[in-house]
Amino acid sequence: MKQASGIGKEWFEQSEAFCKYIKGKTVADVKGIALEDGYPAEEDLLSSVTMHITDFIAVVDEAGAYAK
C-alpha cells in the first residue's frame, strides 16, 4: 500500500493517523467527517489518511451505541 497511497504510508500507519485524528471527538463529530466517495475530504485528515474510511466511521458509530 505504501507505493499506492500517494503519501508513502502503509495501511496501519494511516489507521493510526485516523485514530489520532478522532481522539477526543464525539461519535457525532466522527460521523460528520466530510467524505468524498468514502475518502477523507478534510485537508488535515487527508494529509495523513488517503484510504477509504467509511468502515472506520461505522465501527466508531457501533462502538458509541454500545457505550450508551
N, C-alpha and C. Protein backbone atom coordinates (compact mmCIF):
# COMPACT_ATOMS: atom_id res chain seq x y z
N MET A 1 0.82 -1.19 0.00
CA MET A 1 0.00 0.00 0.00
C MET A 1 0.87 1.26 0.00
N LYS A 2 2.04 1.16 0.53
CA LYS A 2 2.91 2.32 0.64
C LYS A 2 3.12 3.00 -0.71
N GLN A 3 3.32 2.22 -1.75
CA GLN A 3 3.55 2.79 -3.07
C GLN A 3 2.27 3.38 -3.66
N ALA A 4 1.12 2.85 -3.30
CA ALA A 4 -0.15 3.29 -3.87
C ALA A 4 -0.80 4.43 -3.11
N SER A 5 -0.31 4.76 -1.93
CA SER A 5 -1.02 5.71 -1.07
C SER A 5 -0.88 7.17 -1.49
N GLY A 6 0.14 7.53 -2.17
CA GLY A 6 0.34 8.92 -2.53
C GLY A 6 1.02 9.73 -1.43
N ILE A 7 0.98 9.22 -0.19
CA ILE A 7 1.66 9.90 0.92
C ILE A 7 2.75 9.02 1.51
N GLY A 8 2.94 7.84 0.91
CA GLY A 8 4.01 6.95 1.34
C GLY A 8 3.77 6.29 2.68
N LYS A 9 2.52 6.03 3.02
CA LYS A 9 2.20 5.40 4.31
C LYS A 9 1.48 4.07 4.09
N GLU A 10 1.83 3.10 4.92
CA GLU A 10 1.16 1.80 4.91
C GLU A 10 -0.22 1.94 5.54
N TRP A 11 -1.07 0.92 5.38
CA TRP A 11 -2.44 0.98 5.89
C TRP A 11 -2.46 1.17 7.41
N PHE A 12 -1.56 0.48 8.13
CA PHE A 12 -1.57 0.59 9.59
C PHE A 12 -1.14 1.98 10.05
N GLU A 13 -0.27 2.62 9.29
CA GLU A 13 0.13 3.99 9.64
C GLU A 13 -1.04 4.95 9.40
N GLN A 14 -1.79 4.72 8.35
CA GLN A 14 -2.95 5.56 8.08
C GLN A 14 -4.05 5.30 9.10
N SER A 15 -4.21 4.05 9.50
CA SER A 15 -5.19 3.71 10.53
C SER A 15 -4.85 4.41 11.85
N GLU A 16 -3.57 4.39 12.20
CA GLU A 16 -3.12 5.07 13.42
C GLU A 16 -3.37 6.58 13.32
N ALA A 17 -3.14 7.14 12.15
CA ALA A 17 -3.38 8.58 11.96
C ALA A 17 -4.87 8.90 12.10
N PHE A 18 -5.72 8.02 11.60
CA PHE A 18 -7.16 8.22 11.75
C PHE A 18 -7.54 8.19 13.22
N CYS A 19 -7.03 7.22 13.94
CA CYS A 19 -7.33 7.11 15.38
C CYS A 19 -6.86 8.36 16.13
N LYS A 20 -5.69 8.83 15.79
CA LYS A 20 -5.17 10.04 16.43
C LYS A 20 -6.06 11.24 16.10
N TYR A 21 -6.53 11.31 14.86
CA TYR A 21 -7.38 12.42 14.42
C TYR A 21 -8.71 12.45 15.17
N ILE A 22 -9.29 11.28 15.43
CA ILE A 22 -10.61 11.26 16.07
C ILE A 22 -10.55 11.26 17.59
N LYS A 23 -9.37 11.11 18.16
CA LYS A 23 -9.23 11.08 19.62
C LYS A 23 -9.81 12.36 20.22
N GLY A 24 -10.70 12.18 21.19
CA GLY A 24 -11.33 13.31 21.85
C GLY A 24 -12.58 13.83 21.16
N LYS A 25 -12.89 13.29 19.99
CA LYS A 25 -14.08 13.71 19.26
C LYS A 25 -15.28 12.86 19.69
N THR A 26 -16.46 13.42 19.55
CA THR A 26 -17.68 12.65 19.83
C THR A 26 -18.00 11.78 18.62
N VAL A 27 -18.91 10.83 18.82
CA VAL A 27 -19.36 9.99 17.70
C VAL A 27 -19.96 10.87 16.61
N ALA A 28 -20.73 11.86 17.01
CA ALA A 28 -21.33 12.77 16.03
C ALA A 28 -20.26 13.50 15.23
N ASP A 29 -19.18 13.91 15.89
CA ASP A 29 -18.07 14.57 15.19
C ASP A 29 -17.47 13.64 14.15
N VAL A 30 -17.26 12.39 14.54
CA VAL A 30 -16.64 11.41 13.63
C VAL A 30 -17.59 11.13 12.47
N LYS A 31 -18.88 10.97 12.76
CA LYS A 31 -19.85 10.72 11.69
C LYS A 31 -19.98 11.92 10.77
N GLY A 32 -19.59 13.09 11.26
CA GLY A 32 -19.67 14.30 10.45
C GLY A 32 -18.43 14.62 9.64
N ILE A 33 -17.45 13.74 9.66
CA ILE A 33 -16.24 13.96 8.86
C ILE A 33 -16.64 14.02 7.39
N ALA A 34 -16.20 15.06 6.72
CA ALA A 34 -16.52 15.24 5.31
C ALA A 34 -15.82 14.15 4.48
N LEU A 35 -16.60 13.52 3.61
CA LEU A 35 -16.08 12.46 2.76
C LEU A 35 -16.33 12.78 1.30
N GLU A 36 -15.50 12.23 0.46
CA GLU A 36 -15.68 12.28 -0.98
C GLU A 36 -15.52 10.86 -1.50
N ASP A 37 -16.63 10.24 -1.84
CA ASP A 37 -16.62 8.84 -2.29
C ASP A 37 -15.99 7.91 -1.27
N GLY A 38 -16.21 8.20 0.02
CA GLY A 38 -15.69 7.35 1.09
C GLY A 38 -14.29 7.69 1.57
N TYR A 39 -13.66 8.63 0.91
CA TYR A 39 -12.31 9.06 1.28
C TYR A 39 -12.40 10.39 2.03
N PRO A 40 -11.45 10.67 2.91
CA PRO A 40 -11.50 11.94 3.64
C PRO A 40 -11.47 13.13 2.69
N ALA A 41 -12.30 14.11 2.99
CA ALA A 41 -12.31 15.34 2.20
C ALA A 41 -11.73 16.50 3.00
N GLU A 42 -11.50 16.29 4.28
CA GLU A 42 -10.94 17.33 5.14
C GLU A 42 -9.42 17.33 4.97
N GLU A 43 -8.88 18.46 4.61
CA GLU A 43 -7.45 18.56 4.28
C GLU A 43 -6.53 18.06 5.39
N ASP A 44 -6.85 18.41 6.65
CA ASP A 44 -5.97 17.98 7.75
C ASP A 44 -5.98 16.47 7.93
N LEU A 45 -7.08 15.81 7.62
CA LEU A 45 -7.12 14.34 7.69
C LEU A 45 -6.55 13.72 6.42
N LEU A 46 -6.86 14.31 5.29
CA LEU A 46 -6.39 13.78 4.01
C LEU A 46 -4.87 13.79 3.90
N SER A 47 -4.22 14.65 4.64
CA SER A 47 -2.76 14.70 4.59
C SER A 47 -2.11 13.48 5.24
N SER A 48 -2.89 12.73 6.05
CA SER A 48 -2.32 11.55 6.70
C SER A 48 -3.11 10.26 6.44
N VAL A 49 -4.28 10.39 5.80
CA VAL A 49 -5.11 9.22 5.51
C VAL A 49 -5.67 9.36 4.09
N THR A 50 -5.26 8.46 3.22
CA THR A 50 -5.72 8.52 1.83
C THR A 50 -6.58 7.32 1.45
N MET A 51 -6.93 6.50 2.43
CA MET A 51 -7.73 5.31 2.13
C MET A 51 -9.19 5.53 2.50
N HIS A 52 -10.03 4.65 2.02
CA HIS A 52 -11.47 4.67 2.28
C HIS A 52 -11.71 4.52 3.78
N ILE A 53 -12.51 5.41 4.40
CA ILE A 53 -12.68 5.36 5.85
C ILE A 53 -14.12 5.16 6.31
N THR A 54 -15.03 4.86 5.41
CA THR A 54 -16.43 4.69 5.83
C THR A 54 -16.59 3.53 6.82
N ASP A 55 -15.83 2.47 6.66
CA ASP A 55 -15.92 1.36 7.62
C ASP A 55 -15.38 1.76 8.99
N PHE A 56 -14.34 2.57 9.03
CA PHE A 56 -13.82 3.07 10.30
C PHE A 56 -14.90 3.87 11.03
N ILE A 57 -15.58 4.74 10.28
CA ILE A 57 -16.62 5.58 10.86
C ILE A 57 -17.77 4.71 11.36
N ALA A 58 -18.13 3.69 10.61
CA ALA A 58 -19.20 2.78 11.03
C ALA A 58 -18.85 2.06 12.33
N VAL A 59 -17.60 1.67 12.49
CA VAL A 59 -17.15 1.00 13.71
C VAL A 59 -17.23 1.95 14.90
N VAL A 60 -16.85 3.19 14.70
CA VAL A 60 -16.94 4.18 15.79
C VAL A 60 -18.41 4.38 16.17
N ASP A 61 -19.28 4.45 15.18
CA ASP A 61 -20.72 4.60 15.45
C ASP A 61 -21.25 3.41 16.24
N GLU A 62 -20.88 2.21 15.84
CA GLU A 62 -21.32 1.00 16.54
C GLU A 62 -20.78 0.96 17.96
N ALA A 63 -19.53 1.32 18.14
CA ALA A 63 -18.94 1.34 19.49
C ALA A 63 -19.65 2.36 20.37
N GLY A 64 -20.00 3.50 19.78
CA GLY A 64 -20.72 4.53 20.52
C GLY A 64 -22.08 4.04 20.99
N ALA A 65 -22.74 3.24 20.16
CA ALA A 65 -24.04 2.70 20.52
C ALA A 65 -23.92 1.74 21.70
N TYR A 66 -22.86 0.96 21.74
CA TYR A 66 -22.64 0.04 22.85
C TYR A 66 -22.26 0.76 24.13
N ALA A 67 -21.63 1.91 23.99
CA ALA A 67 -21.17 2.66 25.16
C ALA A 67 -22.30 3.36 25.90
N LYS A 68 -23.43 3.49 25.26
CA LYS A 68 -24.56 4.21 25.88
C LYS A 68 -25.20 3.40 26.97
